[in-house]
């Protein structure tokens, strides 16, 4: 293998490793985004439940819940 072939081979290896690392980082970012979305949905549900509880309490206090 001459120097040009060796350099070309090494460049190909480096490119393949970089592409794999990029793919791994993309997957990690996607997983982090999905996790954040789940967390936000759960927080939203908790806020909705708290707000509904406050509304029900206010209705009970004012007699509007009858």
N, C-alpha and C. Protein backbone atom coordinates (compact mmCIF):
# COMPACT_ATOMS: atom_id res chain seq x y z
N UNK A 1 0.86 -1.17 0.00
CA UNK A 1 0.00 0.00 0.00
C UNK A 1 0.91 1.24 0.00
N UNK A 2 0.72 2.13 -0.96
CA UNK A 2 1.56 3.32 -0.99
C UNK A 2 0.98 4.40 -0.07
N UNK A 3 1.69 5.50 0.05
CA UNK A 3 1.30 6.56 0.98
C UNK A 3 -0.08 7.14 0.64
N UNK A 4 -0.37 7.32 -0.62
CA UNK A 4 -1.68 7.87 -1.02
C UNK A 4 -2.81 6.93 -0.64
N UNK A 5 -2.60 5.64 -0.87
CA UNK A 5 -3.63 4.66 -0.51
C UNK A 5 -3.81 4.60 1.00
N UNK A 6 -2.71 4.65 1.73
CA UNK A 6 -2.77 4.61 3.18
C UNK A 6 -3.50 5.84 3.73
N UNK A 7 -3.16 7.00 3.20
CA UNK A 7 -3.82 8.24 3.64
C UNK A 7 -5.30 8.21 3.30
N UNK A 8 -5.63 7.69 2.13
CA UNK A 8 -7.03 7.61 1.73
C UNK A 8 -7.80 6.65 2.63
N UNK A 9 -7.18 5.52 2.95
CA UNK A 9 -7.80 4.55 3.84
C UNK A 9 -8.04 5.14 5.21
N UNK A 10 -7.03 5.83 5.75
CA UNK A 10 -7.16 6.45 7.07
C UNK A 10 -8.24 7.53 7.06
N UNK A 11 -8.30 8.30 5.98
CA UNK A 11 -9.33 9.33 5.87
C UNK A 11 -10.72 8.69 5.86
N UNK A 12 -10.85 7.58 5.18
CA UNK A 12 -12.13 6.86 5.16
C UNK A 12 -12.51 6.35 6.53
N UNK A 13 -11.52 5.84 7.26
CA UNK A 13 -11.78 5.34 8.61
C UNK A 13 -12.21 6.49 9.52
N UNK A 14 -11.53 7.60 9.43
CA UNK A 14 -11.87 8.77 10.27
C UNK A 14 -13.26 9.27 9.93
N UNK A 15 -13.58 9.31 8.64
CA UNK A 15 -14.92 9.77 8.21
C UNK A 15 -16.00 8.84 8.77
N UNK A 16 -15.77 7.55 8.70
CA UNK A 16 -16.75 6.58 9.20
C UNK A 16 -16.95 6.74 10.70
N UNK A 17 -15.86 6.93 11.43
CA UNK A 17 -15.97 7.13 12.88
C UNK A 17 -16.71 8.42 13.21
N UNK A 18 -16.44 9.47 12.45
CA UNK A 18 -17.12 10.75 12.68
C UNK A 18 -18.61 10.63 12.39
N UNK A 19 -18.95 9.93 11.33
CA UNK A 19 -20.37 9.74 11.00
C UNK A 19 -21.08 8.93 12.09
N UNK A 20 -20.43 7.91 12.60
CA UNK A 20 -21.01 7.09 13.68
C UNK A 20 -21.21 7.92 14.94
N UNK A 21 -20.19 8.72 15.27
CA UNK A 21 -20.30 9.57 16.46
C UNK A 21 -21.43 10.58 16.28
N UNK A 22 -21.54 11.14 15.09
CA UNK A 22 -22.63 12.08 14.81
C UNK A 22 -23.99 11.41 14.96
N UNK A 23 -24.08 10.19 14.50
CA UNK A 23 -25.34 9.45 14.63
C UNK A 23 -25.67 9.18 16.09
N UNK A 24 -24.65 8.84 16.88
CA UNK A 24 -24.86 8.60 18.30
C UNK A 24 -25.32 9.87 19.01
N UNK A 25 -24.68 10.99 18.68
CA UNK A 25 -25.07 12.26 19.31
C UNK A 25 -26.49 12.65 18.92
N UNK A 26 -26.86 12.40 17.67
CA UNK A 26 -28.22 12.68 17.21
C UNK A 26 -29.23 11.83 17.98
N UNK A 27 -28.91 10.56 18.17
CA UNK A 27 -29.80 9.68 18.94
C UNK A 27 -29.94 10.15 20.39
N UNK A 28 -28.82 10.56 20.98
CA UNK A 28 -28.87 11.03 22.37
C UNK A 28 -29.71 12.30 22.48
N UNK A 29 -29.56 13.19 21.51
CA UNK A 29 -30.34 14.43 21.53
C UNK A 29 -31.82 14.13 21.35
N UNK A 30 -32.13 13.18 20.50
CA UNK A 30 -33.52 12.79 20.28
C UNK A 30 -34.13 12.20 21.55
N UNK A 31 -33.36 11.36 22.23
CA UNK A 31 -33.84 10.77 23.47
C UNK A 31 -34.04 11.83 24.55
N UNK A 32 -33.13 12.78 24.62
CA UNK A 32 -33.25 13.86 25.60
C UNK A 32 -34.49 14.70 25.31
N UNK A 33 -34.75 14.96 24.04
CA UNK A 33 -35.93 15.75 23.66
C UNK A 33 -37.21 15.00 24.02
N UNK A 34 -37.23 13.71 23.77
CA UNK A 34 -38.42 12.92 24.11
C UNK A 34 -38.64 12.90 25.62
N UNK A 35 -37.57 12.78 26.37
CA UNK A 35 -37.67 12.79 27.83
C UNK A 35 -38.19 14.13 28.33
N UNK A 36 -37.67 15.21 27.76
CA UNK A 36 -38.13 16.54 28.15
C UNK A 36 -39.60 16.72 27.81
N UNK A 37 -40.02 16.21 26.67
CA UNK A 37 -41.42 16.33 26.28
C UNK A 37 -42.31 15.57 27.27
N UNK A 38 -41.89 14.38 27.65
CA UNK A 38 -42.65 13.61 28.63
C UNK A 38 -42.75 14.35 29.96
N UNK A 39 -41.63 14.92 30.39
CA UNK A 39 -41.63 15.67 31.65
C UNK A 39 -42.57 16.86 31.58
N UNK A 40 -42.56 17.56 30.46
CA UNK A 40 -43.44 18.72 30.31
C UNK A 40 -44.91 18.30 30.29
N UNK A 41 -45.19 17.19 29.64
CA UNK A 41 -46.58 16.70 29.62
C UNK A 41 -47.04 16.35 31.03
N UNK A 42 -46.19 15.70 31.79
CA UNK A 42 -46.54 15.35 33.17
C UNK A 42 -46.75 16.60 34.01
N UNK A 43 -45.86 17.58 33.84
CA UNK A 43 -46.00 18.83 34.59
C UNK A 43 -47.30 19.53 34.20
N UNK A 44 -47.62 19.51 32.92
CA UNK A 44 -48.87 20.12 32.46
C UNK A 44 -50.09 19.44 33.05
N UNK A 45 -50.06 18.14 33.13
CA UNK A 45 -51.18 17.40 33.73
C UNK A 45 -51.33 17.74 35.21
N UNK A 46 -50.19 17.85 35.90
CA UNK A 46 -50.24 18.20 37.32
C UNK A 46 -50.79 19.61 37.52
N UNK A 47 -50.37 20.54 36.66
CA UNK A 47 -50.87 21.91 36.76
C UNK A 47 -52.37 21.96 36.47
N UNK A 48 -52.80 21.19 35.48
CA UNK A 48 -54.22 21.14 35.14
C UNK A 48 -55.04 20.61 36.31
N UNK A 49 -54.53 19.55 36.94
CA UNK A 49 -55.23 18.97 38.08
C UNK A 49 -55.28 19.95 39.24
N UNK A 50 -54.18 20.66 39.47
CA UNK A 50 -54.15 21.65 40.56
C UNK A 50 -55.13 22.78 40.28
N UNK A 51 -55.16 23.24 39.05
CA UNK A 51 -56.08 24.32 38.69
C UNK A 51 -57.53 23.87 38.85
N UNK A 52 -57.81 22.64 38.43
CA UNK A 52 -59.18 22.14 38.57
C UNK A 52 -59.56 22.03 40.04
N UNK A 53 -58.60 21.61 40.86
CA UNK A 53 -58.86 21.54 42.30
C UNK A 53 -59.14 22.91 42.88
N UNK A 54 -58.41 23.92 42.42
CA UNK A 54 -58.64 25.27 42.90
C UNK A 54 -60.01 25.78 42.47
N UNK A 55 -60.40 25.48 41.25
CA UNK A 55 -61.72 25.89 40.75
C UNK A 55 -62.81 25.20 41.57
N UNK A 56 -62.65 23.92 41.79
CA UNK A 56 -63.66 23.19 42.58
C UNK A 56 -63.76 23.73 44.00
N UNK A 57 -62.61 24.07 44.60
CA UNK A 57 -62.61 24.64 45.95
C UNK A 57 -63.33 25.99 45.97
N UNK A 58 -63.07 26.79 44.95
CA UNK A 58 -63.72 28.10 44.88
C UNK A 58 -65.22 27.93 44.70
N UNK A 59 -65.61 26.98 43.87
CA UNK A 59 -67.05 26.73 43.67
C UNK A 59 -67.69 26.25 44.97
N UNK A 60 -67.01 25.37 45.68
CA UNK A 60 -67.53 24.88 46.95
C UNK A 60 -67.67 26.04 47.95
N UNK A 61 -66.67 26.89 47.99
CA UNK A 61 -66.67 28.00 48.93
C UNK A 61 -67.77 29.01 48.63
N UNK A 62 -68.10 29.18 47.38
CA UNK A 62 -69.12 30.16 47.00
C UNK A 62 -70.49 29.53 46.82
N UNK A 63 -70.57 28.23 46.98
CA UNK A 63 -71.86 27.56 46.83
C UNK A 63 -72.27 27.34 45.39
N UNK A 64 -71.35 27.49 44.45
CA UNK A 64 -71.68 27.32 43.03
C UNK A 64 -71.59 25.87 42.58
N UNK A 65 -71.20 24.99 43.44
CA UNK A 65 -70.97 23.60 43.05
C UNK A 65 -72.17 22.72 43.40
N UNK A 66 -73.32 23.35 43.54
CA UNK A 66 -74.49 22.56 43.94
C UNK A 66 -75.40 22.32 42.76
